[in-house]
Amino acid sequence: MRKITTLTATLATTLLLSTGASAGQLALSDGFFATAVNGDKVSVHADAVTLSQGKQIVTVRYEQNIIHNREQNEYTVSKPMHLVFDAQGNANYTITKTEQGVALVSNNQAVPVEVLTGDAVIHRALAL
């Protein structure tokens, strides 16, 4: 009976560890904060969010504080951007700001991502 209990505990632990290992992460570069992953709210104070394998929709915003001089600064926050991409197993991703918008990178390689904002989200949802 003791062998069965030990075997069951070992299998349960292995299953738990393998499930956790399949999750990836999206690191948020300076200025970015996530508000939701696949519709589930996340802490806006997190430096990274956990991803499951498969299609992901991560909602992010970008904030920027430009200091012109001691008396004047410009603080802006972007409208929500919905990043749609396929996450692979336990891969780690990073989002960064580029001159063209945003980029998603994993293992120093660009990851295909669709960035939806404003009315594009509604039109995309209606097209499904």
N, C-alpha and C. Protein backbone atom coordinates (compact mmCIF):
# COMPACT_ATOMS: atom_id res chain seq x y z
N MET A 1 0.82 -1.19 0.00
CA MET A 1 0.00 0.00 0.00
C MET A 1 0.87 1.26 0.00
N ARG A 2 1.99 1.19 0.73
CA ARG A 2 2.88 2.34 0.81
C ARG A 2 3.49 2.66 -0.56
N LYS A 3 3.81 1.62 -1.37
CA LYS A 3 4.37 1.83 -2.70
C LYS A 3 3.39 2.54 -3.61
N ILE A 4 2.11 2.19 -3.50
CA ILE A 4 1.08 2.83 -4.32
C ILE A 4 0.94 4.29 -3.94
N THR A 5 0.96 4.60 -2.66
CA THR A 5 0.85 5.99 -2.20
C THR A 5 2.05 6.81 -2.68
N THR A 6 3.25 6.24 -2.59
CA THR A 6 4.45 6.92 -3.04
C THR A 6 4.41 7.14 -4.54
N LEU A 7 3.98 6.12 -5.29
CA LEU A 7 3.88 6.23 -6.74
C LEU A 7 2.86 7.29 -7.13
N THR A 8 1.72 7.31 -6.46
CA THR A 8 0.68 8.30 -6.73
C THR A 8 1.20 9.70 -6.45
N ALA A 9 1.89 9.89 -5.34
CA ALA A 9 2.45 11.20 -5.00
C ALA A 9 3.49 11.64 -6.02
N THR A 10 4.32 10.70 -6.47
CA THR A 10 5.35 11.02 -7.46
C THR A 10 4.71 11.42 -8.79
N LEU A 11 3.69 10.68 -9.22
CA LEU A 11 3.00 11.02 -10.47
C LEU A 11 2.31 12.37 -10.37
N ALA A 12 1.68 12.65 -9.24
CA ALA A 12 1.01 13.93 -9.04
C ALA A 12 2.01 15.08 -9.09
N THR A 13 3.15 14.90 -8.45
CA THR A 13 4.19 15.93 -8.45
C THR A 13 4.74 16.15 -9.85
N THR A 14 4.99 15.06 -10.58
CA THR A 14 5.49 15.16 -11.95
C THR A 14 4.50 15.89 -12.83
N LEU A 15 3.22 15.56 -12.71
CA LEU A 15 2.18 16.21 -13.50
C LEU A 15 2.13 17.70 -13.16
N LEU A 16 2.19 18.03 -11.91
CA LEU A 16 2.15 19.42 -11.48
C LEU A 16 3.34 20.19 -12.03
N LEU A 17 4.53 19.62 -11.94
CA LEU A 17 5.73 20.29 -12.43
C LEU A 17 5.72 20.41 -13.95
N SER A 18 5.25 19.41 -14.65
CA SER A 18 5.24 19.48 -16.11
C SER A 18 4.20 20.49 -16.59
N THR A 19 3.09 20.62 -15.87
CA THR A 19 2.08 21.62 -16.23
C THR A 19 2.66 23.01 -16.05
N GLY A 20 3.37 23.25 -14.94
CA GLY A 20 3.96 24.54 -14.69
C GLY A 20 5.06 24.86 -15.68
N ALA A 21 5.77 23.87 -16.15
CA ALA A 21 6.89 24.09 -17.06
C ALA A 21 6.42 24.49 -18.45
N SER A 22 5.18 24.17 -18.81
CA SER A 22 4.72 24.49 -20.15
C SER A 22 4.28 25.95 -20.28
N ALA A 23 4.24 26.66 -19.19
CA ALA A 23 3.83 28.06 -19.24
C ALA A 23 5.03 28.94 -19.61
N GLY A 24 4.79 29.90 -20.48
CA GLY A 24 5.82 30.87 -20.85
C GLY A 24 5.55 32.18 -20.14
N GLN A 25 6.37 33.17 -20.44
CA GLN A 25 6.19 34.49 -19.85
C GLN A 25 6.40 35.57 -20.89
N LEU A 26 5.69 36.67 -20.68
CA LEU A 26 5.88 37.87 -21.48
C LEU A 26 6.45 38.93 -20.56
N ALA A 27 7.71 39.31 -20.81
CA ALA A 27 8.35 40.37 -20.03
C ALA A 27 7.93 41.72 -20.60
N LEU A 28 7.62 42.65 -19.72
CA LEU A 28 7.16 43.97 -20.13
C LEU A 28 8.31 44.97 -19.97
N SER A 29 8.78 45.50 -21.08
CA SER A 29 9.87 46.47 -21.06
C SER A 29 9.40 47.75 -20.39
N ASP A 30 10.37 48.62 -20.08
CA ASP A 30 10.05 49.90 -19.43
C ASP A 30 8.96 50.64 -20.19
N GLY A 31 7.99 51.11 -19.46
CA GLY A 31 6.89 51.88 -20.04
C GLY A 31 5.66 51.06 -20.36
N PHE A 32 5.80 49.74 -20.48
CA PHE A 32 4.65 48.89 -20.79
C PHE A 32 4.03 48.33 -19.51
N PHE A 33 2.72 48.22 -19.51
CA PHE A 33 2.04 47.49 -18.45
C PHE A 33 0.86 46.74 -19.04
N ALA A 34 0.65 45.54 -18.57
CA ALA A 34 -0.44 44.70 -19.06
C ALA A 34 -1.67 44.92 -18.19
N THR A 35 -2.83 44.82 -18.82
CA THR A 35 -4.08 44.92 -18.07
C THR A 35 -4.88 43.62 -18.12
N ALA A 36 -4.62 42.78 -19.14
CA ALA A 36 -5.36 41.52 -19.25
C ALA A 36 -4.60 40.53 -20.12
N VAL A 37 -4.80 39.25 -19.83
CA VAL A 37 -4.29 38.16 -20.66
C VAL A 37 -5.48 37.26 -20.96
N ASN A 38 -5.82 37.16 -22.24
CA ASN A 38 -6.97 36.36 -22.68
C ASN A 38 -8.25 36.73 -21.94
N GLY A 39 -8.41 38.02 -21.70
CA GLY A 39 -9.61 38.54 -21.06
C GLY A 39 -9.59 38.53 -19.55
N ASP A 40 -8.60 37.89 -18.94
CA ASP A 40 -8.48 37.86 -17.48
C ASP A 40 -7.59 39.00 -17.02
N LYS A 41 -8.10 39.81 -16.09
CA LYS A 41 -7.33 40.94 -15.59
C LYS A 41 -6.06 40.48 -14.90
N VAL A 42 -5.00 41.27 -15.05
CA VAL A 42 -3.72 41.02 -14.38
C VAL A 42 -3.29 42.31 -13.69
N SER A 43 -2.38 42.18 -12.75
CA SER A 43 -1.88 43.34 -12.01
C SER A 43 -1.11 44.27 -12.95
N VAL A 44 -1.46 45.54 -12.93
CA VAL A 44 -0.76 46.51 -13.78
C VAL A 44 0.64 46.80 -13.25
N HIS A 45 0.97 46.29 -12.08
CA HIS A 45 2.29 46.51 -11.48
C HIS A 45 3.28 45.40 -11.81
N ALA A 46 2.84 44.37 -12.52
CA ALA A 46 3.70 43.23 -12.82
C ALA A 46 4.73 43.58 -13.90
N ASP A 47 5.93 43.03 -13.76
CA ASP A 47 6.97 43.21 -14.77
C ASP A 47 6.87 42.16 -15.86
N ALA A 48 6.08 41.10 -15.60
CA ALA A 48 5.90 40.02 -16.56
C ALA A 48 4.55 39.36 -16.30
N VAL A 49 4.01 38.71 -17.33
CA VAL A 49 2.76 37.96 -17.17
C VAL A 49 2.98 36.54 -17.67
N THR A 50 2.28 35.61 -17.08
CA THR A 50 2.38 34.20 -17.44
C THR A 50 1.48 33.90 -18.63
N LEU A 51 1.99 33.10 -19.55
CA LEU A 51 1.24 32.73 -20.75
C LEU A 51 1.07 31.22 -20.81
N SER A 52 -0.05 30.79 -21.34
CA SER A 52 -0.24 29.37 -21.61
C SER A 52 0.17 29.13 -23.06
N GLN A 53 0.23 27.90 -23.46
CA GLN A 53 0.59 27.59 -24.84
C GLN A 53 -0.60 27.85 -25.74
N GLY A 54 -0.34 28.34 -26.94
CA GLY A 54 -1.40 28.56 -27.91
C GLY A 54 -1.67 30.04 -28.13
N LYS A 55 -2.83 30.33 -28.72
CA LYS A 55 -3.19 31.70 -29.06
C LYS A 55 -3.34 32.54 -27.80
N GLN A 56 -2.72 33.73 -27.83
CA GLN A 56 -2.77 34.66 -26.70
C GLN A 56 -3.29 36.01 -27.17
N ILE A 57 -4.07 36.64 -26.32
CA ILE A 57 -4.47 38.03 -26.54
C ILE A 57 -4.10 38.77 -25.27
N VAL A 58 -3.04 39.56 -25.36
CA VAL A 58 -2.54 40.29 -24.21
C VAL A 58 -2.82 41.77 -24.43
N THR A 59 -3.53 42.38 -23.49
CA THR A 59 -3.86 43.80 -23.57
C THR A 59 -2.82 44.59 -22.79
N VAL A 60 -2.16 45.51 -23.48
CA VAL A 60 -1.12 46.33 -22.86
C VAL A 60 -1.38 47.80 -23.15
N ARG A 61 -0.73 48.63 -22.34
CA ARG A 61 -0.70 50.07 -22.57
C ARG A 61 0.74 50.51 -22.41
N TYR A 62 1.05 51.66 -23.00
CA TYR A 62 2.40 52.20 -22.91
C TYR A 62 2.32 53.59 -22.31
N GLU A 63 3.15 53.84 -21.30
CA GLU A 63 3.18 55.17 -20.70
C GLU A 63 4.57 55.77 -20.90
N GLN A 64 4.57 57.09 -21.10
CA GLN A 64 5.82 57.76 -21.36
C GLN A 64 5.79 59.14 -20.71
N ASN A 65 6.87 59.49 -20.05
CA ASN A 65 7.00 60.80 -19.43
C ASN A 65 8.22 61.50 -20.06
N ILE A 66 7.95 62.50 -20.87
CA ILE A 66 9.02 63.25 -21.53
C ILE A 66 9.24 64.53 -20.74
N ILE A 67 10.44 64.71 -20.25
CA ILE A 67 10.77 65.91 -19.49
C ILE A 67 11.45 66.90 -20.44
N HIS A 68 10.74 68.00 -20.70
CA HIS A 68 11.26 69.02 -21.61
C HIS A 68 12.26 69.93 -20.89
N ASN A 69 11.92 70.31 -19.69
CA ASN A 69 12.81 71.10 -18.85
C ASN A 69 12.31 70.98 -17.40
N ARG A 70 12.90 71.72 -16.49
CA ARG A 70 12.52 71.57 -15.07
C ARG A 70 11.07 71.91 -14.79
N GLU A 71 10.50 72.79 -15.58
CA GLU A 71 9.12 73.22 -15.34
C GLU A 71 8.08 72.54 -16.22
N GLN A 72 8.53 71.80 -17.22
CA GLN A 72 7.57 71.25 -18.18
C GLN A 72 7.89 69.79 -18.51
N ASN A 73 6.87 68.96 -18.37
CA ASN A 73 6.99 67.58 -18.82
C ASN A 73 5.69 67.16 -19.48
N GLU A 74 5.77 66.11 -20.24
CA GLU A 74 4.62 65.61 -21.00
C GLU A 74 4.42 64.13 -20.66
N TYR A 75 3.32 63.85 -19.98
CA TYR A 75 3.02 62.47 -19.58
C TYR A 75 1.88 61.95 -20.44
N THR A 76 2.12 60.84 -21.15
CA THR A 76 1.08 60.26 -22.00
C THR A 76 0.93 58.77 -21.72
N VAL A 77 -0.28 58.29 -21.89
CA VAL A 77 -0.58 56.86 -21.78
C VAL A 77 -1.33 56.47 -23.05
N SER A 78 -0.87 55.42 -23.70
CA SER A 78 -1.50 54.98 -24.94
C SER A 78 -2.88 54.40 -24.68
N LYS A 79 -3.63 54.29 -25.74
CA LYS A 79 -4.89 53.55 -25.68
C LYS A 79 -4.52 52.07 -25.58
N PRO A 80 -5.44 51.23 -25.12
CA PRO A 80 -5.12 49.80 -25.04
C PRO A 80 -4.73 49.21 -26.39
N MET A 81 -3.70 48.39 -26.37
CA MET A 81 -3.26 47.65 -27.55
C MET A 81 -3.45 46.17 -27.24
N HIS A 82 -4.08 45.46 -28.14
CA HIS A 82 -4.33 44.04 -27.96
C HIS A 82 -3.35 43.28 -28.85
N LEU A 83 -2.42 42.56 -28.23
CA LEU A 83 -1.41 41.80 -28.95
C LEU A 83 -1.92 40.38 -29.15
N VAL A 84 -2.04 39.96 -30.39
CA VAL A 84 -2.54 38.62 -30.71
C VAL A 84 -1.38 37.84 -31.31
N PHE A 85 -1.02 36.74 -30.66
CA PHE A 85 0.10 35.92 -31.14
C PHE A 85 -0.04 34.50 -30.59
N ASP A 86 0.75 33.58 -31.16
CA ASP A 86 0.76 32.19 -30.71
C ASP A 86 1.98 31.98 -29.82
N ALA A 87 1.74 31.58 -28.58
CA ALA A 87 2.83 31.29 -27.64
C ALA A 87 3.21 29.82 -27.77
N GLN A 88 4.49 29.57 -27.79
CA GLN A 88 5.01 28.22 -27.93
C GLN A 88 5.53 27.70 -26.58
N GLY A 89 4.89 26.68 -26.04
CA GLY A 89 5.36 26.00 -24.83
C GLY A 89 5.85 26.91 -23.74
N ASN A 90 7.10 26.72 -23.34
CA ASN A 90 7.65 27.51 -22.24
C ASN A 90 8.54 28.65 -22.74
N ALA A 91 8.28 29.15 -23.93
CA ALA A 91 9.08 30.25 -24.48
C ALA A 91 8.85 31.53 -23.70
N ASN A 92 9.88 32.35 -23.62
CA ASN A 92 9.80 33.65 -22.98
C ASN A 92 9.79 34.73 -24.05
N TYR A 93 8.95 35.72 -23.87
CA TYR A 93 8.78 36.79 -24.84
C TYR A 93 9.05 38.13 -24.17
N THR A 94 9.42 39.12 -24.99
CA THR A 94 9.60 40.48 -24.52
C THR A 94 8.93 41.42 -25.49
N ILE A 95 8.21 42.39 -24.96
CA ILE A 95 7.61 43.42 -25.80
C ILE A 95 8.44 44.68 -25.67
N THR A 96 8.71 45.31 -26.80
CA THR A 96 9.48 46.55 -26.80
C THR A 96 8.82 47.56 -27.74
N LYS A 97 9.11 48.83 -27.50
CA LYS A 97 8.60 49.90 -28.35
C LYS A 97 9.58 50.13 -29.48
N THR A 98 9.04 50.30 -30.68
CA THR A 98 9.85 50.60 -31.85
C THR A 98 9.31 51.88 -32.49
N GLU A 99 10.00 52.39 -33.49
CA GLU A 99 9.50 53.57 -34.19
C GLU A 99 8.18 53.28 -34.90
N GLN A 100 7.99 52.03 -35.33
CA GLN A 100 6.77 51.65 -36.03
C GLN A 100 5.63 51.27 -35.08
N GLY A 101 5.91 51.08 -33.83
CA GLY A 101 4.88 50.66 -32.88
C GLY A 101 5.48 49.79 -31.80
N VAL A 102 5.11 48.51 -31.81
CA VAL A 102 5.64 47.57 -30.83
C VAL A 102 6.19 46.34 -31.54
N ALA A 103 7.11 45.66 -30.87
CA ALA A 103 7.68 44.42 -31.40
C ALA A 103 7.66 43.38 -30.30
N LEU A 104 7.49 42.14 -30.70
CA LEU A 104 7.51 41.01 -29.79
C LEU A 104 8.70 40.14 -30.18
N VAL A 105 9.53 39.78 -29.19
CA VAL A 105 10.76 39.04 -29.46
C VAL A 105 10.85 37.83 -28.53
N SER A 106 11.36 36.73 -29.07
CA SER A 106 11.64 35.53 -28.27
C SER A 106 12.95 34.94 -28.80
N ASN A 107 13.89 34.68 -27.91
CA ASN A 107 15.21 34.15 -28.30
C ASN A 107 15.87 35.00 -29.38
N ASN A 108 15.82 36.30 -29.21
CA ASN A 108 16.43 37.26 -30.14
C ASN A 108 15.86 37.21 -31.55
N GLN A 109 14.66 36.68 -31.70
CA GLN A 109 14.01 36.62 -33.00
C GLN A 109 12.62 37.25 -32.90
N ALA A 110 12.26 37.97 -33.95
CA ALA A 110 10.95 38.61 -33.99
C ALA A 110 9.86 37.54 -34.02
N VAL A 111 8.79 37.81 -33.31
CA VAL A 111 7.64 36.90 -33.24
C VAL A 111 6.48 37.58 -33.98
N PRO A 112 5.82 36.87 -34.88
CA PRO A 112 4.67 37.46 -35.56
C PRO A 112 3.58 37.83 -34.54
N VAL A 113 3.17 39.08 -34.60
CA VAL A 113 2.15 39.58 -33.68
C VAL A 113 1.22 40.53 -34.42
N GLU A 114 -0.05 40.43 -34.13
CA GLU A 114 -1.03 41.36 -34.68
C GLU A 114 -1.40 42.31 -33.55
N VAL A 115 -1.26 43.60 -33.80
CA VAL A 115 -1.56 44.61 -32.79
C VAL A 115 -2.86 45.30 -33.18
N LEU A 116 -3.88 45.13 -32.35
CA LEU A 116 -5.19 45.71 -32.63
C LEU A 116 -5.46 46.84 -31.64
N THR A 117 -5.95 47.96 -32.16
CA THR A 117 -6.31 49.08 -31.30
C THR A 117 -7.64 49.65 -31.76
N GLY A 118 -8.31 50.35 -30.88
CA GLY A 118 -9.53 51.07 -31.23
C GLY A 118 -10.56 50.21 -31.92
N ASP A 119 -11.12 50.75 -33.01
CA ASP A 119 -12.19 50.08 -33.74
C ASP A 119 -11.73 48.79 -34.40
N ALA A 120 -10.43 48.62 -34.62
CA ALA A 120 -9.93 47.40 -35.25
C ALA A 120 -10.29 46.17 -34.42
N VAL A 121 -10.35 46.33 -33.11
CA VAL A 121 -10.71 45.23 -32.23
C VAL A 121 -12.13 44.79 -32.49
N ILE A 122 -13.02 45.75 -32.61
CA ILE A 122 -14.44 45.44 -32.84
C ILE A 122 -14.63 44.80 -34.20
N HIS A 123 -13.99 45.37 -35.23
CA HIS A 123 -14.13 44.83 -36.58
C HIS A 123 -13.58 43.41 -36.67
N ARG A 124 -12.47 43.17 -36.01
CA ARG A 124 -11.84 41.83 -35.99
C ARG A 124 -12.76 40.83 -35.30
N ALA A 125 -13.34 41.25 -34.17
CA ALA A 125 -14.24 40.36 -33.41
C ALA A 125 -15.50 40.04 -34.23
N LEU A 126 -16.01 41.02 -34.93
CA LEU A 126 -17.21 40.81 -35.74
C LEU A 126 -16.94 39.89 -36.93
N ALA A 127 -15.69 39.87 -37.40
CA ALA A 127 -15.32 39.05 -38.56
C ALA A 127 -15.16 37.58 -38.19
N LEU A 128 -15.05 37.27 -36.91
CA LEU A 128 -14.83 35.86 -36.49
C LEU A 128 -16.07 35.03 -36.69
